[in-house]
Amino acid sequence: AVVSTQSTGADEVERREEALEEAVLTIVHVPLKIMEVAGECWEALDKLVTSHNTSLKADLQVAVRCLETGIWSAYKSVTFNLGDIKSEEVRTELSTKAKVLLDKSEGIAARLLSALDG
């Protein structure tokens, strides 16, 4: 009977650890998805920047910065929570994906801001 109780206790610990890992993955995937969805806005913003009325210049600069900041903020949330993921492979995959999205965002933002300043 004691062995059965210990086994049940070990099973419970394992289930809790799996549930915690699943929760952490969700916590990381939400801001990662935000980065992806927000990144889809760059194309529309690019069109506005290339055909804008000069009176909208400041508004478009703010829009670029806001989008860039939102993506950067989501990136920080991803990287903050990556340390809680046990699998090194999963951490590396998610970290790389987030970094690619951030780098793309920063590049587009710099290009658009330069176009607006030019």
N, C-alpha and C. Protein backbone atom coordinates (compact mmCIF):
# COMPACT_ATOMS: atom_id res chain seq x y z
N ALA A 1 0.82 -1.19 0.00
CA ALA A 1 0.00 0.00 0.00
C ALA A 1 0.86 1.25 0.00
N VAL A 2 1.99 1.20 0.68
CA VAL A 2 2.87 2.36 0.75
C VAL A 2 3.45 2.67 -0.62
N VAL A 3 3.84 1.63 -1.36
CA VAL A 3 4.40 1.82 -2.69
C VAL A 3 3.37 2.49 -3.60
N SER A 4 2.14 2.06 -3.51
CA SER A 4 1.06 2.63 -4.32
C SER A 4 0.87 4.10 -4.00
N THR A 5 0.93 4.47 -2.72
CA THR A 5 0.77 5.86 -2.32
C THR A 5 1.94 6.70 -2.83
N GLN A 6 3.16 6.17 -2.75
CA GLN A 6 4.33 6.91 -3.24
C GLN A 6 4.25 7.10 -4.74
N SER A 7 3.81 6.07 -5.44
CA SER A 7 3.67 6.15 -6.88
C SER A 7 2.65 7.23 -7.25
N THR A 8 1.55 7.26 -6.53
CA THR A 8 0.52 8.26 -6.78
C THR A 8 1.07 9.65 -6.50
N GLY A 9 1.85 9.79 -5.45
CA GLY A 9 2.47 11.08 -5.14
C GLY A 9 3.44 11.50 -6.23
N ALA A 10 4.22 10.57 -6.74
CA ALA A 10 5.16 10.88 -7.83
C ALA A 10 4.40 11.24 -9.10
N ASP A 11 3.31 10.53 -9.35
CA ASP A 11 2.49 10.85 -10.52
C ASP A 11 1.90 12.25 -10.41
N GLU A 12 1.47 12.60 -9.21
CA GLU A 12 0.90 13.92 -8.98
C GLU A 12 1.94 15.01 -9.20
N VAL A 13 3.14 14.80 -8.72
CA VAL A 13 4.23 15.77 -8.92
C VAL A 13 4.52 15.93 -10.40
N GLU A 14 4.55 14.81 -11.11
CA GLU A 14 4.81 14.86 -12.55
C GLU A 14 3.70 15.61 -13.28
N ARG A 15 2.46 15.36 -12.93
CA ARG A 15 1.33 16.07 -13.55
C ARG A 15 1.40 17.57 -13.27
N ARG A 16 1.77 17.92 -12.06
CA ARG A 16 1.89 19.35 -11.72
C ARG A 16 3.00 20.01 -12.54
N GLU A 17 4.13 19.32 -12.68
CA GLU A 17 5.25 19.88 -13.45
C GLU A 17 4.87 20.04 -14.92
N GLU A 18 4.15 19.06 -15.45
CA GLU A 18 3.70 19.15 -16.84
C GLU A 18 2.71 20.31 -17.01
N ALA A 19 1.81 20.48 -16.06
CA ALA A 19 0.84 21.58 -16.12
C ALA A 19 1.55 22.93 -16.02
N LEU A 20 2.56 23.01 -15.17
CA LEU A 20 3.32 24.24 -15.03
C LEU A 20 4.07 24.57 -16.32
N GLU A 21 4.68 23.56 -16.92
CA GLU A 21 5.40 23.76 -18.18
C GLU A 21 4.43 24.23 -19.27
N GLU A 22 3.26 23.63 -19.33
CA GLU A 22 2.25 24.04 -20.31
C GLU A 22 1.82 25.49 -20.07
N ALA A 23 1.66 25.87 -18.82
CA ALA A 23 1.27 27.25 -18.49
C ALA A 23 2.35 28.23 -18.91
N VAL A 24 3.60 27.88 -18.65
CA VAL A 24 4.71 28.77 -19.02
C VAL A 24 4.78 28.90 -20.54
N LEU A 25 4.57 27.81 -21.25
CA LEU A 25 4.58 27.89 -22.71
C LEU A 25 3.48 28.81 -23.22
N THR A 26 2.33 28.76 -22.60
CA THR A 26 1.24 29.67 -22.97
C THR A 26 1.63 31.11 -22.68
N ILE A 27 2.25 31.32 -21.54
CA ILE A 27 2.69 32.67 -21.16
C ILE A 27 3.68 33.22 -22.18
N VAL A 28 4.50 32.37 -22.76
CA VAL A 28 5.47 32.81 -23.77
C VAL A 28 4.80 32.95 -25.14
N HIS A 29 3.91 32.04 -25.47
CA HIS A 29 3.30 32.07 -26.80
C HIS A 29 2.37 33.27 -27.01
N VAL A 30 1.75 33.77 -25.98
CA VAL A 30 0.84 34.92 -26.15
C VAL A 30 1.59 36.16 -26.65
N PRO A 31 2.66 36.61 -25.98
CA PRO A 31 3.36 37.78 -26.52
C PRO A 31 4.07 37.49 -27.85
N LEU A 32 4.46 36.24 -28.07
CA LEU A 32 5.06 35.88 -29.35
C LEU A 32 4.02 36.05 -30.47
N LYS A 33 2.80 35.65 -30.20
CA LYS A 33 1.72 35.83 -31.18
C LYS A 33 1.43 37.32 -31.38
N ILE A 34 1.51 38.09 -30.31
CA ILE A 34 1.33 39.55 -30.43
C ILE A 34 2.39 40.12 -31.37
N MET A 35 3.62 39.65 -31.23
CA MET A 35 4.70 40.11 -32.11
C MET A 35 4.37 39.79 -33.57
N GLU A 36 3.86 38.58 -33.81
CA GLU A 36 3.53 38.17 -35.17
C GLU A 36 2.40 39.01 -35.75
N VAL A 37 1.34 39.17 -34.99
CA VAL A 37 0.17 39.93 -35.47
C VAL A 37 0.54 41.40 -35.67
N ALA A 38 1.24 41.98 -34.71
CA ALA A 38 1.65 43.38 -34.84
C ALA A 38 2.58 43.56 -36.03
N GLY A 39 3.43 42.59 -36.27
CA GLY A 39 4.35 42.65 -37.41
C GLY A 39 3.63 42.72 -38.74
N GLU A 40 2.43 42.18 -38.79
CA GLU A 40 1.63 42.23 -40.01
C GLU A 40 1.16 43.66 -40.33
N CYS A 41 1.23 44.55 -39.38
CA CYS A 41 0.80 45.94 -39.58
C CYS A 41 1.83 46.77 -40.33
N TRP A 42 3.07 46.28 -40.40
CA TRP A 42 4.12 47.07 -41.04
C TRP A 42 3.81 47.37 -42.51
N GLU A 43 3.24 46.42 -43.21
CA GLU A 43 2.96 46.62 -44.63
C GLU A 43 2.00 47.79 -44.85
N ALA A 44 0.94 47.83 -44.06
CA ALA A 44 -0.03 48.92 -44.19
C ALA A 44 0.61 50.26 -43.81
N LEU A 45 1.40 50.24 -42.76
CA LEU A 45 2.06 51.47 -42.32
C LEU A 45 3.07 51.93 -43.37
N ASP A 46 3.74 50.99 -44.00
CA ASP A 46 4.69 51.32 -45.07
C ASP A 46 3.96 52.03 -46.21
N LYS A 47 2.79 51.54 -46.58
CA LYS A 47 2.02 52.18 -47.65
C LYS A 47 1.63 53.60 -47.27
N LEU A 48 1.26 53.79 -46.01
CA LEU A 48 0.89 55.13 -45.56
C LEU A 48 2.09 56.07 -45.59
N VAL A 49 3.23 55.57 -45.17
CA VAL A 49 4.44 56.40 -45.13
C VAL A 49 4.85 56.82 -46.53
N THR A 50 4.76 55.91 -47.48
CA THR A 50 5.21 56.24 -48.84
C THR A 50 4.23 57.12 -49.61
N SER A 51 3.01 57.25 -49.12
CA SER A 51 2.04 58.08 -49.85
C SER A 51 1.32 59.05 -48.92
N HIS A 52 2.01 59.51 -47.90
CA HIS A 52 1.35 60.33 -46.88
C HIS A 52 1.24 61.80 -47.26
N ASN A 53 0.25 62.41 -46.71
CA ASN A 53 0.09 63.85 -46.76
C ASN A 53 1.10 64.43 -45.75
N THR A 54 1.80 65.46 -46.11
CA THR A 54 2.84 66.00 -45.23
C THR A 54 2.31 66.42 -43.86
N SER A 55 1.04 66.73 -43.78
CA SER A 55 0.48 67.12 -42.49
C SER A 55 0.35 65.92 -41.54
N LEU A 56 0.51 64.71 -42.07
CA LEU A 56 0.41 63.49 -41.24
C LEU A 56 1.76 62.97 -40.79
N LYS A 57 2.83 63.66 -41.13
CA LYS A 57 4.18 63.18 -40.84
C LYS A 57 4.36 62.83 -39.37
N ALA A 58 4.02 63.72 -38.48
CA ALA A 58 4.21 63.47 -37.04
C ALA A 58 3.35 62.30 -36.56
N ASP A 59 2.12 62.22 -37.08
CA ASP A 59 1.25 61.12 -36.69
C ASP A 59 1.81 59.78 -37.14
N LEU A 60 2.37 59.74 -38.33
CA LEU A 60 2.95 58.51 -38.83
C LEU A 60 4.22 58.14 -38.06
N GLN A 61 5.00 59.13 -37.67
CA GLN A 61 6.19 58.85 -36.85
C GLN A 61 5.77 58.23 -35.52
N VAL A 62 4.73 58.77 -34.93
CA VAL A 62 4.22 58.22 -33.67
C VAL A 62 3.70 56.80 -33.89
N ALA A 63 3.01 56.56 -34.99
CA ALA A 63 2.49 55.23 -35.29
C ALA A 63 3.63 54.22 -35.43
N VAL A 64 4.68 54.61 -36.11
CA VAL A 64 5.85 53.73 -36.28
C VAL A 64 6.46 53.41 -34.91
N ARG A 65 6.65 54.43 -34.11
CA ARG A 65 7.25 54.22 -32.78
C ARG A 65 6.34 53.37 -31.89
N CYS A 66 5.05 53.60 -31.95
CA CYS A 66 4.13 52.81 -31.12
C CYS A 66 4.15 51.34 -31.52
N LEU A 67 4.13 51.08 -32.81
CA LEU A 67 4.16 49.69 -33.27
C LEU A 67 5.49 49.04 -32.89
N GLU A 68 6.56 49.75 -33.10
CA GLU A 68 7.89 49.23 -32.73
C GLU A 68 7.96 48.95 -31.22
N THR A 69 7.44 49.86 -30.42
CA THR A 69 7.48 49.71 -28.97
C THR A 69 6.60 48.55 -28.50
N GLY A 70 5.45 48.38 -29.12
CA GLY A 70 4.58 47.26 -28.78
C GLY A 70 5.26 45.93 -29.05
N ILE A 71 5.93 45.83 -30.19
CA ILE A 71 6.64 44.60 -30.54
C ILE A 71 7.83 44.39 -29.60
N TRP A 72 8.55 45.45 -29.29
CA TRP A 72 9.68 45.35 -28.35
C TRP A 72 9.20 44.90 -26.97
N SER A 73 8.08 45.45 -26.53
CA SER A 73 7.52 45.08 -25.23
C SER A 73 7.13 43.60 -25.20
N ALA A 74 6.50 43.12 -26.25
CA ALA A 74 6.14 41.70 -26.32
C ALA A 74 7.41 40.84 -26.32
N TYR A 75 8.45 41.30 -27.01
CA TYR A 75 9.73 40.58 -27.03
C TYR A 75 10.30 40.46 -25.61
N LYS A 76 10.25 41.55 -24.87
CA LYS A 76 10.76 41.53 -23.49
C LYS A 76 9.98 40.54 -22.64
N SER A 77 8.69 40.46 -22.85
CA SER A 77 7.86 39.50 -22.12
C SER A 77 8.26 38.08 -22.47
N VAL A 78 8.50 37.82 -23.74
CA VAL A 78 8.94 36.49 -24.17
C VAL A 78 10.26 36.13 -23.49
N THR A 79 11.25 37.02 -23.61
CA THR A 79 12.58 36.70 -23.08
C THR A 79 12.57 36.57 -21.57
N PHE A 80 11.75 37.35 -20.90
CA PHE A 80 11.66 37.29 -19.44
C PHE A 80 11.18 35.91 -18.99
N ASN A 81 10.23 35.36 -19.71
CA ASN A 81 9.62 34.09 -19.31
C ASN A 81 10.30 32.86 -19.89
N LEU A 82 11.21 33.02 -20.81
CA LEU A 82 11.89 31.87 -21.41
C LEU A 82 12.67 31.05 -20.37
N GLY A 83 13.21 31.71 -19.38
CA GLY A 83 14.01 31.02 -18.38
C GLY A 83 13.23 29.97 -17.60
N ASP A 84 11.92 30.08 -17.60
CA ASP A 84 11.09 29.12 -16.87
C ASP A 84 10.76 27.87 -17.68
N ILE A 85 11.17 27.85 -18.96
CA ILE A 85 10.93 26.68 -19.80
C ILE A 85 12.08 25.71 -19.61
N LYS A 86 11.76 24.47 -19.33
CA LYS A 86 12.79 23.48 -19.01
C LYS A 86 13.59 23.03 -20.22
N SER A 87 12.94 22.88 -21.35
CA SER A 87 13.60 22.35 -22.54
C SER A 87 14.49 23.41 -23.19
N GLU A 88 15.77 23.13 -23.27
CA GLU A 88 16.72 24.05 -23.92
C GLU A 88 16.37 24.21 -25.40
N GLU A 89 15.96 23.13 -26.02
CA GLU A 89 15.60 23.17 -27.44
C GLU A 89 14.41 24.11 -27.68
N VAL A 90 13.40 24.00 -26.85
CA VAL A 90 12.22 24.85 -26.98
C VAL A 90 12.58 26.31 -26.68
N ARG A 91 13.39 26.52 -25.63
CA ARG A 91 13.83 27.89 -25.31
C ARG A 91 14.56 28.52 -26.49
N THR A 92 15.47 27.77 -27.08
CA THR A 92 16.26 28.29 -28.20
C THR A 92 15.37 28.59 -29.39
N GLU A 93 14.43 27.70 -29.69
CA GLU A 93 13.52 27.90 -30.81
C GLU A 93 12.68 29.15 -30.63
N LEU A 94 12.10 29.31 -29.45
CA LEU A 94 11.24 30.47 -29.19
C LEU A 94 12.05 31.76 -29.13
N SER A 95 13.23 31.69 -28.54
CA SER A 95 14.10 32.86 -28.46
C SER A 95 14.51 33.33 -29.85
N THR A 96 14.87 32.39 -30.70
CA THR A 96 15.28 32.72 -32.06
C THR A 96 14.13 33.34 -32.84
N LYS A 97 12.95 32.74 -32.72
CA LYS A 97 11.78 33.26 -33.42
C LYS A 97 11.47 34.69 -32.97
N ALA A 98 11.50 34.93 -31.67
CA ALA A 98 11.22 36.26 -31.14
C ALA A 98 12.27 37.26 -31.60
N LYS A 99 13.53 36.86 -31.61
CA LYS A 99 14.61 37.77 -32.02
C LYS A 99 14.49 38.14 -33.49
N VAL A 100 14.13 37.17 -34.32
CA VAL A 100 13.93 37.45 -35.75
C VAL A 100 12.81 38.47 -35.93
N LEU A 101 11.72 38.28 -35.22
CA LEU A 101 10.60 39.23 -35.33
C LEU A 101 11.00 40.62 -34.83
N LEU A 102 11.75 40.68 -33.75
CA LEU A 102 12.21 41.97 -33.21
C LEU A 102 13.15 42.66 -34.20
N ASP A 103 14.12 41.92 -34.71
CA ASP A 103 15.08 42.51 -35.66
C ASP A 103 14.38 43.04 -36.90
N LYS A 104 13.41 42.28 -37.40
CA LYS A 104 12.65 42.72 -38.57
C LYS A 104 11.91 44.01 -38.25
N SER A 105 11.28 44.05 -37.09
CA SER A 105 10.53 45.24 -36.66
C SER A 105 11.44 46.46 -36.56
N GLU A 106 12.58 46.27 -35.92
CA GLU A 106 13.50 47.40 -35.75
C GLU A 106 14.02 47.90 -37.10
N GLY A 107 14.28 46.98 -38.02
CA GLY A 107 14.75 47.37 -39.35
C GLY A 107 13.70 48.16 -40.12
N ILE A 108 12.48 47.66 -40.09
CA ILE A 108 11.40 48.35 -40.80
C ILE A 108 11.14 49.72 -40.17
N ALA A 109 11.12 49.77 -38.85
CA ALA A 109 10.88 51.04 -38.16
C ALA A 109 11.95 52.06 -38.53
N ALA A 110 13.20 51.65 -38.54
CA ALA A 110 14.30 52.56 -38.88
C ALA A 110 14.14 53.06 -40.31
N ARG A 111 13.78 52.17 -41.23
CA ARG A 111 13.60 52.56 -42.62
C ARG A 111 12.45 53.55 -42.77
N LEU A 112 11.33 53.27 -42.10
CA LEU A 112 10.17 54.16 -42.22
C LEU A 112 10.44 55.52 -41.58
N LEU A 113 11.08 55.53 -40.44
CA LEU A 113 11.40 56.80 -39.79
C LEU A 113 12.37 57.62 -40.64
N SER A 114 13.31 56.94 -41.28
CA SER A 114 14.24 57.63 -42.16
C SER A 114 13.50 58.22 -43.36
N ALA A 115 12.56 57.46 -43.90
CA ALA A 115 11.77 57.96 -45.04
C ALA A 115 10.95 59.18 -44.63
N LEU A 116 10.42 59.15 -43.41
CA LEU A 116 9.63 60.28 -42.95
C LEU A 116 10.50 61.51 -42.66
N ASP A 117 11.73 61.29 -42.28
CA ASP A 117 12.63 62.41 -42.01
C ASP A 117 13.23 62.99 -43.30
N GLY A 118 13.20 62.17 -44.35
CA GLY A 118 13.85 62.56 -45.61
C GLY A 118 13.05 63.50 -46.45
